[in-house]
N, C-alpha and C. Protein backbone atom coordinates (compact mmCIF):
# COMPACT_ATOMS: atom_id res chain seq x y z
N MET A 1 112.23 87.00 123.02
CA MET A 1 112.34 88.38 123.44
C MET A 1 113.56 89.04 122.78
N ARG A 2 114.66 88.28 122.69
CA ARG A 2 115.87 88.83 122.09
C ARG A 2 115.63 89.15 120.61
N LEU A 3 114.91 88.27 119.89
CA LEU A 3 114.60 88.51 118.49
C LEU A 3 113.77 89.78 118.35
N HIS A 4 112.77 89.96 119.21
CA HIS A 4 111.94 91.16 119.17
C HIS A 4 112.79 92.41 119.35
N ARG A 5 113.73 92.36 120.28
CA ARG A 5 114.62 93.50 120.54
C ARG A 5 115.49 93.79 119.31
N LEU A 6 116.01 92.72 118.67
CA LEU A 6 116.83 92.90 117.47
C LEU A 6 116.00 93.49 116.33
N LEU A 7 114.77 93.01 116.17
CA LEU A 7 113.91 93.55 115.13
C LEU A 7 113.61 95.02 115.39
N HIS A 8 113.37 95.36 116.64
CA HIS A 8 113.10 96.75 117.00
C HIS A 8 114.31 97.62 116.67
N LEU A 9 115.51 97.16 117.02
CA LEU A 9 116.72 97.91 116.73
C LEU A 9 116.93 98.05 115.22
N ALA A 10 116.64 96.99 114.48
CA ALA A 10 116.77 97.05 113.02
C ALA A 10 115.81 98.08 112.43
N ALA A 11 114.59 98.12 112.95
CA ALA A 11 113.60 99.08 112.46
C ALA A 11 114.05 100.51 112.76
N VAL A 12 114.58 100.73 113.95
CA VAL A 12 115.08 102.06 114.30
C VAL A 12 116.22 102.45 113.38
N ALA A 13 117.10 101.50 113.08
CA ALA A 13 118.22 101.78 112.18
C ALA A 13 117.72 102.14 110.79
N VAL A 14 116.69 101.45 110.31
CA VAL A 14 116.14 101.76 108.99
C VAL A 14 115.56 103.16 108.99
N LEU A 15 114.82 103.53 110.03
CA LEU A 15 114.25 104.87 110.07
C LEU A 15 115.34 105.93 110.14
N ALA A 16 116.41 105.66 110.87
CA ALA A 16 117.53 106.61 110.92
C ALA A 16 118.16 106.75 109.54
N THR A 17 118.26 105.64 108.82
CA THR A 17 118.80 105.68 107.47
C THR A 17 117.89 106.49 106.55
N VAL A 18 116.58 106.29 106.69
CA VAL A 18 115.62 107.01 105.87
C VAL A 18 115.77 108.51 106.08
N VAL A 19 115.99 108.94 107.31
CA VAL A 19 116.07 110.36 107.63
C VAL A 19 117.40 110.96 107.20
N GLY A 20 118.51 110.23 107.39
CA GLY A 20 119.80 110.87 107.21
C GLY A 20 120.67 110.44 106.06
N ALA A 21 120.24 109.54 105.24
CA ALA A 21 121.13 109.02 104.19
C ALA A 21 121.06 109.85 102.92
N CYS A 22 122.14 109.79 102.15
CA CYS A 22 122.20 110.46 100.85
C CYS A 22 122.05 109.40 99.77
N GLU A 23 120.93 108.73 99.76
CA GLU A 23 120.63 107.69 98.78
C GLU A 23 119.57 108.22 97.83
N PRO A 24 119.38 107.56 96.68
CA PRO A 24 118.28 107.97 95.81
C PRO A 24 116.96 107.85 96.58
N PRO A 25 116.09 108.83 96.45
CA PRO A 25 114.84 108.77 97.20
C PRO A 25 113.87 107.73 96.64
N ILE A 26 113.14 107.14 97.55
CA ILE A 26 112.01 106.30 97.20
C ILE A 26 110.78 107.00 97.77
N HIS A 27 109.77 107.19 96.94
CA HIS A 27 108.57 107.90 97.37
C HIS A 27 107.47 106.90 97.74
N ILE A 28 106.75 107.21 98.79
CA ILE A 28 105.63 106.38 99.23
C ILE A 28 104.42 107.30 99.39
N LYS A 29 103.28 106.83 98.92
CA LYS A 29 102.03 107.58 99.11
C LYS A 29 100.88 106.58 99.22
N LEU A 30 99.74 107.06 99.67
CA LEU A 30 98.55 106.22 99.70
C LEU A 30 98.15 105.89 98.26
N ALA A 31 97.66 104.67 98.05
CA ALA A 31 97.26 104.25 96.71
C ALA A 31 96.05 105.02 96.20
N SER A 32 95.20 105.48 97.13
CA SER A 32 94.02 106.26 96.74
C SER A 32 93.55 107.08 97.94
N THR A 33 92.60 107.95 97.71
CA THR A 33 92.02 108.72 98.82
C THR A 33 90.97 107.92 99.56
N GLU A 34 90.71 106.70 99.11
CA GLU A 34 89.67 105.85 99.71
C GLU A 34 90.25 104.74 100.59
N GLU A 35 91.52 104.81 100.94
CA GLU A 35 92.14 103.74 101.74
C GLU A 35 91.53 103.69 103.13
N ARG A 36 91.32 102.44 103.62
CA ARG A 36 90.68 102.20 104.92
C ARG A 36 91.29 100.98 105.59
N LEU A 37 90.99 100.84 106.88
CA LEU A 37 91.34 99.62 107.59
C LEU A 37 90.54 98.47 106.99
N PRO A 38 91.01 97.26 107.02
CA PRO A 38 92.18 96.78 107.75
C PRO A 38 93.46 96.77 106.93
N ALA A 39 93.37 97.01 105.60
CA ALA A 39 94.55 96.82 104.74
C ALA A 39 94.73 97.98 103.77
N PRO A 40 95.11 99.16 104.26
CA PRO A 40 95.35 100.26 103.33
C PRO A 40 96.48 99.91 102.36
N ALA A 41 96.38 100.44 101.16
CA ALA A 41 97.40 100.18 100.14
C ALA A 41 98.27 101.42 99.93
N PHE A 42 99.52 101.16 99.59
CA PHE A 42 100.50 102.22 99.35
C PHE A 42 101.14 102.00 97.99
N VAL A 43 101.53 103.10 97.35
CA VAL A 43 102.24 103.05 96.08
C VAL A 43 103.67 103.51 96.36
N ILE A 44 104.62 102.72 95.88
CA ILE A 44 106.03 103.01 96.09
C ILE A 44 106.66 103.26 94.73
N SER A 45 107.37 104.38 94.63
CA SER A 45 108.03 104.71 93.36
C SER A 45 109.45 105.19 93.63
N GLU A 46 110.28 105.01 92.64
CA GLU A 46 111.66 105.45 92.71
C GLU A 46 111.91 106.29 91.45
N PRO A 47 111.93 107.61 91.59
CA PRO A 47 112.02 108.48 90.41
C PRO A 47 113.20 108.18 89.49
N SER A 48 114.27 107.62 90.01
CA SER A 48 115.42 107.32 89.16
C SER A 48 115.24 106.04 88.34
N GLN A 49 114.10 105.36 88.52
CA GLN A 49 113.82 104.11 87.82
C GLN A 49 112.58 104.25 86.94
N PRO A 50 112.42 103.36 85.96
CA PRO A 50 111.18 103.37 85.17
C PRO A 50 109.96 103.19 86.08
N VAL A 51 108.83 103.63 85.60
CA VAL A 51 107.59 103.53 86.38
C VAL A 51 107.37 102.10 86.87
N GLU A 52 106.91 101.98 88.10
CA GLU A 52 106.56 100.71 88.74
C GLU A 52 107.73 99.75 88.85
N LYS A 53 108.94 100.27 89.03
CA LYS A 53 110.10 99.41 89.20
C LYS A 53 110.98 99.87 90.37
N PRO A 54 110.39 100.05 91.56
CA PRO A 54 111.21 100.46 92.70
C PRO A 54 112.13 99.33 93.16
N ARG A 55 113.27 99.72 93.70
CA ARG A 55 114.24 98.73 94.20
C ARG A 55 114.35 98.89 95.71
N TYR A 56 113.72 98.01 96.42
CA TYR A 56 113.83 98.01 97.88
C TYR A 56 113.84 96.57 98.35
N GLY A 57 114.39 96.36 99.53
CA GLY A 57 114.46 95.00 100.06
C GLY A 57 113.97 94.86 101.48
N TYR A 58 113.61 95.99 102.11
CA TYR A 58 113.15 95.95 103.50
C TYR A 58 112.03 96.97 103.67
N VAL A 59 110.96 96.55 104.36
CA VAL A 59 109.83 97.43 104.66
C VAL A 59 109.47 97.26 106.12
N SER A 60 109.22 98.38 106.79
CA SER A 60 108.72 98.32 108.17
C SER A 60 107.63 99.36 108.36
N VAL A 61 106.70 99.02 109.22
CA VAL A 61 105.65 99.95 109.64
C VAL A 61 105.76 100.05 111.14
N MET A 62 105.82 101.28 111.63
CA MET A 62 105.95 101.51 113.07
C MET A 62 104.91 102.51 113.55
N ASP A 63 104.43 102.29 114.76
CA ASP A 63 103.64 103.30 115.45
C ASP A 63 104.63 104.40 115.82
N LEU A 64 104.19 105.62 115.89
CA LEU A 64 105.12 106.70 116.22
C LEU A 64 105.67 106.58 117.64
N ASP A 65 105.09 105.71 118.47
CA ASP A 65 105.67 105.47 119.81
C ASP A 65 106.84 104.48 119.75
N GLY A 66 107.15 103.99 118.53
CA GLY A 66 108.28 103.08 118.35
C GLY A 66 107.91 101.61 118.26
N THR A 67 106.64 101.28 118.40
CA THR A 67 106.20 99.89 118.30
C THR A 67 106.27 99.42 116.86
N LEU A 68 106.99 98.33 116.64
CA LEU A 68 107.07 97.75 115.30
C LEU A 68 105.75 97.04 115.01
N MET A 69 105.07 97.48 113.95
CA MET A 69 103.76 96.93 113.60
C MET A 69 103.85 95.82 112.55
N TRP A 70 104.85 95.92 111.66
CA TRP A 70 104.99 94.93 110.59
C TRP A 70 106.35 95.14 109.96
N ALA A 71 107.03 94.06 109.61
CA ALA A 71 108.33 94.17 108.93
C ALA A 71 108.54 92.95 108.06
N PHE A 72 109.13 93.18 106.88
CA PHE A 72 109.48 92.08 106.00
C PHE A 72 110.66 92.48 105.12
N ARG A 73 111.32 91.45 104.57
CA ARG A 73 112.46 91.69 103.70
C ARG A 73 112.42 90.74 102.52
N LYS A 74 113.15 91.13 101.49
CA LYS A 74 113.21 90.33 100.27
C LYS A 74 114.15 89.16 100.49
N LEU A 75 113.80 88.01 99.90
CA LEU A 75 114.66 86.83 99.93
C LEU A 75 115.02 86.43 98.52
N PRO A 76 116.22 86.07 98.21
CA PRO A 76 117.39 86.33 99.04
C PRO A 76 117.59 87.84 99.12
N PRO A 77 118.29 88.32 100.15
CA PRO A 77 118.44 89.78 100.26
C PRO A 77 119.10 90.36 99.00
N ASN A 78 118.31 91.03 98.22
CA ASN A 78 118.80 91.74 97.04
C ASN A 78 117.87 92.90 96.77
N PHE A 79 118.25 93.74 95.86
CA PHE A 79 117.47 94.95 95.61
C PHE A 79 116.98 95.02 94.17
N GLU A 80 116.60 93.86 93.64
CA GLU A 80 116.00 93.84 92.32
C GLU A 80 114.63 94.53 92.43
N VAL A 81 113.94 94.62 91.34
CA VAL A 81 112.64 95.28 91.30
C VAL A 81 111.69 94.63 92.31
N SER A 82 111.00 95.46 93.05
CA SER A 82 110.03 95.02 94.05
C SER A 82 108.65 95.57 93.67
N PRO A 83 107.60 95.07 94.31
CA PRO A 83 106.25 95.54 93.95
C PRO A 83 106.09 97.05 94.14
N ALA A 84 105.38 97.68 93.22
CA ALA A 84 105.13 99.11 93.32
C ALA A 84 103.91 99.40 94.19
N ARG A 85 103.14 98.38 94.52
CA ARG A 85 101.94 98.56 95.36
C ARG A 85 101.99 97.53 96.49
N LEU A 86 101.79 98.02 97.71
CA LEU A 86 101.74 97.16 98.89
C LEU A 86 100.44 97.40 99.63
N SER A 87 99.86 96.34 100.15
CA SER A 87 98.71 96.44 101.04
C SER A 87 99.15 95.98 102.42
N TYR A 88 98.77 96.75 103.43
CA TYR A 88 99.18 96.43 104.79
C TYR A 88 98.75 95.02 105.17
N GLY A 89 99.70 94.24 105.67
CA GLY A 89 99.43 92.89 106.13
C GLY A 89 99.47 91.82 105.05
N VAL A 90 99.63 92.21 103.79
CA VAL A 90 99.68 91.26 102.68
C VAL A 90 101.13 91.13 102.24
N LEU A 91 101.75 90.00 102.55
CA LEU A 91 103.16 89.78 102.25
C LEU A 91 103.35 89.58 100.75
N PRO A 92 104.18 90.42 100.11
CA PRO A 92 104.42 90.24 98.66
C PRO A 92 105.20 88.95 98.40
N GLU A 93 105.00 88.39 97.22
CA GLU A 93 105.73 87.20 96.80
C GLU A 93 107.23 87.50 96.79
N GLY A 94 108.03 86.55 97.27
CA GLY A 94 109.47 86.71 97.27
C GLY A 94 110.01 87.42 98.49
N PHE A 95 109.17 87.66 99.48
CA PHE A 95 109.58 88.33 100.72
C PHE A 95 109.32 87.41 101.91
N GLU A 96 110.06 87.62 103.00
CA GLU A 96 109.79 86.89 104.24
C GLU A 96 109.41 87.90 105.31
N GLU A 97 108.46 87.48 106.13
CA GLU A 97 107.97 88.32 107.21
C GLU A 97 108.91 88.21 108.41
N LEU A 98 109.34 89.36 108.90
CA LEU A 98 110.19 89.40 110.10
C LEU A 98 109.35 89.66 111.35
N GLU A 99 108.28 90.42 111.18
CA GLU A 99 107.34 90.72 112.27
C GLU A 99 105.95 90.67 111.66
N PRO A 100 105.09 89.75 112.13
CA PRO A 100 103.73 89.67 111.58
C PRO A 100 102.99 90.99 111.79
N ALA A 101 102.09 91.31 110.86
CA ALA A 101 101.33 92.55 110.92
C ALA A 101 100.38 92.54 112.12
N LYS A 102 100.47 93.58 112.92
CA LYS A 102 99.52 93.80 114.02
C LYS A 102 98.40 94.70 113.49
N PRO A 103 97.21 94.60 114.04
CA PRO A 103 96.12 95.47 113.56
C PRO A 103 96.45 96.94 113.80
N LEU A 104 96.17 97.77 112.80
CA LEU A 104 96.32 99.21 112.95
C LEU A 104 95.14 99.72 113.79
N VAL A 105 95.41 100.69 114.64
CA VAL A 105 94.41 101.17 115.61
C VAL A 105 93.92 102.56 115.22
N PRO A 106 92.60 102.75 115.13
CA PRO A 106 92.07 104.09 114.85
C PRO A 106 92.57 105.10 115.88
N GLY A 107 92.84 106.31 115.38
CA GLY A 107 93.32 107.37 116.24
C GLY A 107 94.83 107.44 116.37
N ARG A 108 95.54 106.50 115.75
CA ARG A 108 97.00 106.44 115.85
C ARG A 108 97.66 106.89 114.54
N THR A 109 98.92 107.30 114.65
CA THR A 109 99.71 107.71 113.50
C THR A 109 100.87 106.73 113.35
N TYR A 110 101.16 106.37 112.13
CA TYR A 110 102.18 105.37 111.82
C TYR A 110 103.15 105.88 110.77
N SER A 111 104.26 105.19 110.66
CA SER A 111 105.27 105.48 109.65
C SER A 111 105.59 104.20 108.91
N ILE A 112 105.59 104.29 107.58
CA ILE A 112 106.06 103.17 106.76
C ILE A 112 107.39 103.61 106.15
N GLY A 113 108.38 102.74 106.25
CA GLY A 113 109.69 103.04 105.70
C GLY A 113 110.16 101.90 104.82
N VAL A 114 110.83 102.25 103.72
CA VAL A 114 111.41 101.25 102.83
C VAL A 114 112.88 101.59 102.63
N SER A 115 113.69 100.56 102.41
CA SER A 115 115.10 100.80 102.12
C SER A 115 115.60 99.74 101.15
N GLY A 116 116.62 100.11 100.43
CA GLY A 116 117.23 99.24 99.43
C GLY A 116 118.29 100.05 98.72
N GLU A 117 118.18 100.14 97.39
CA GLU A 117 119.09 101.00 96.64
C GLU A 117 118.91 102.45 97.06
N GLY A 118 117.72 102.79 97.46
CA GLY A 118 117.37 104.09 98.01
C GLY A 118 116.54 103.87 99.25
N SER A 119 115.96 104.93 99.76
CA SER A 119 115.12 104.78 100.94
C SER A 119 114.05 105.87 100.93
N GLY A 120 113.02 105.63 101.71
CA GLY A 120 111.95 106.62 101.81
C GLY A 120 111.01 106.27 102.95
N GLY A 121 110.19 107.23 103.31
CA GLY A 121 109.25 107.03 104.39
C GLY A 121 108.00 107.86 104.18
N PHE A 122 106.95 107.50 104.91
CA PHE A 122 105.66 108.17 104.79
C PHE A 122 104.92 108.00 106.11
N HIS A 123 104.36 109.09 106.63
CA HIS A 123 103.55 109.03 107.86
C HIS A 123 102.08 109.06 107.47
N PHE A 124 101.30 108.21 108.12
CA PHE A 124 99.86 108.18 107.86
C PHE A 124 99.09 108.06 109.17
N HIS A 125 97.88 108.59 109.15
CA HIS A 125 97.03 108.59 110.34
C HIS A 125 95.78 107.76 110.06
N VAL A 126 95.38 106.97 111.05
CA VAL A 126 94.15 106.18 110.95
C VAL A 126 93.08 106.94 111.71
N SER A 127 92.08 107.43 111.00
CA SER A 127 90.98 108.17 111.62
C SER A 127 90.09 107.22 112.41
N HIS A 128 89.27 107.79 113.29
CA HIS A 128 88.40 106.97 114.13
C HIS A 128 87.38 106.17 113.32
N ASP A 129 87.07 106.63 112.10
CA ASP A 129 86.14 105.87 111.26
C ASP A 129 86.85 104.84 110.37
N GLY A 130 88.18 104.69 110.57
CA GLY A 130 88.94 103.69 109.82
C GLY A 130 89.54 104.16 108.52
N THR A 131 89.27 105.42 108.15
CA THR A 131 89.88 105.93 106.93
C THR A 131 91.34 106.31 107.21
N ILE A 132 92.12 106.29 106.15
CA ILE A 132 93.55 106.56 106.26
C ILE A 132 93.84 107.85 105.51
N ARG A 133 94.68 108.70 106.13
CA ARG A 133 95.10 109.93 105.46
C ARG A 133 96.56 110.19 105.75
N GLU A 134 97.19 111.00 104.90
CA GLU A 134 98.57 111.38 105.15
C GLU A 134 98.64 112.19 106.43
N ALA A 135 99.61 111.90 107.27
CA ALA A 135 99.82 112.66 108.50
C ALA A 135 100.73 113.83 108.18
N ARG A 136 100.42 114.96 108.70
CA ARG A 136 101.24 116.16 108.46
C ARG A 136 101.87 116.63 109.74
């Protein structure tokens, strides 16, 4: 229970950093307009870096009610180049899972946040038919 609480606090801290920090931005978007459950894909880019070379070391996905849905970090903790494409629930090579991926629920809105040399976030909504769209 204590670990869960620490992970939750860490995720909140990351989101606060994403909102208020003066770091180079990292952009996140859906990989395509056809993304669906169970494993939507996201593209991560860092405009200050060459294409497909974002530098991040921590990723979290949260329900907007604050529930941590998935979290992982790079091992060893460093901010070398990380994958430019992520699929929900698929742990990239060289990362360790801090919170296993929980199933995304239709009708809910989520936030994915990344941090490292820069930070960024993206809100997405899961429609009742399982399709994923950007939340506005």
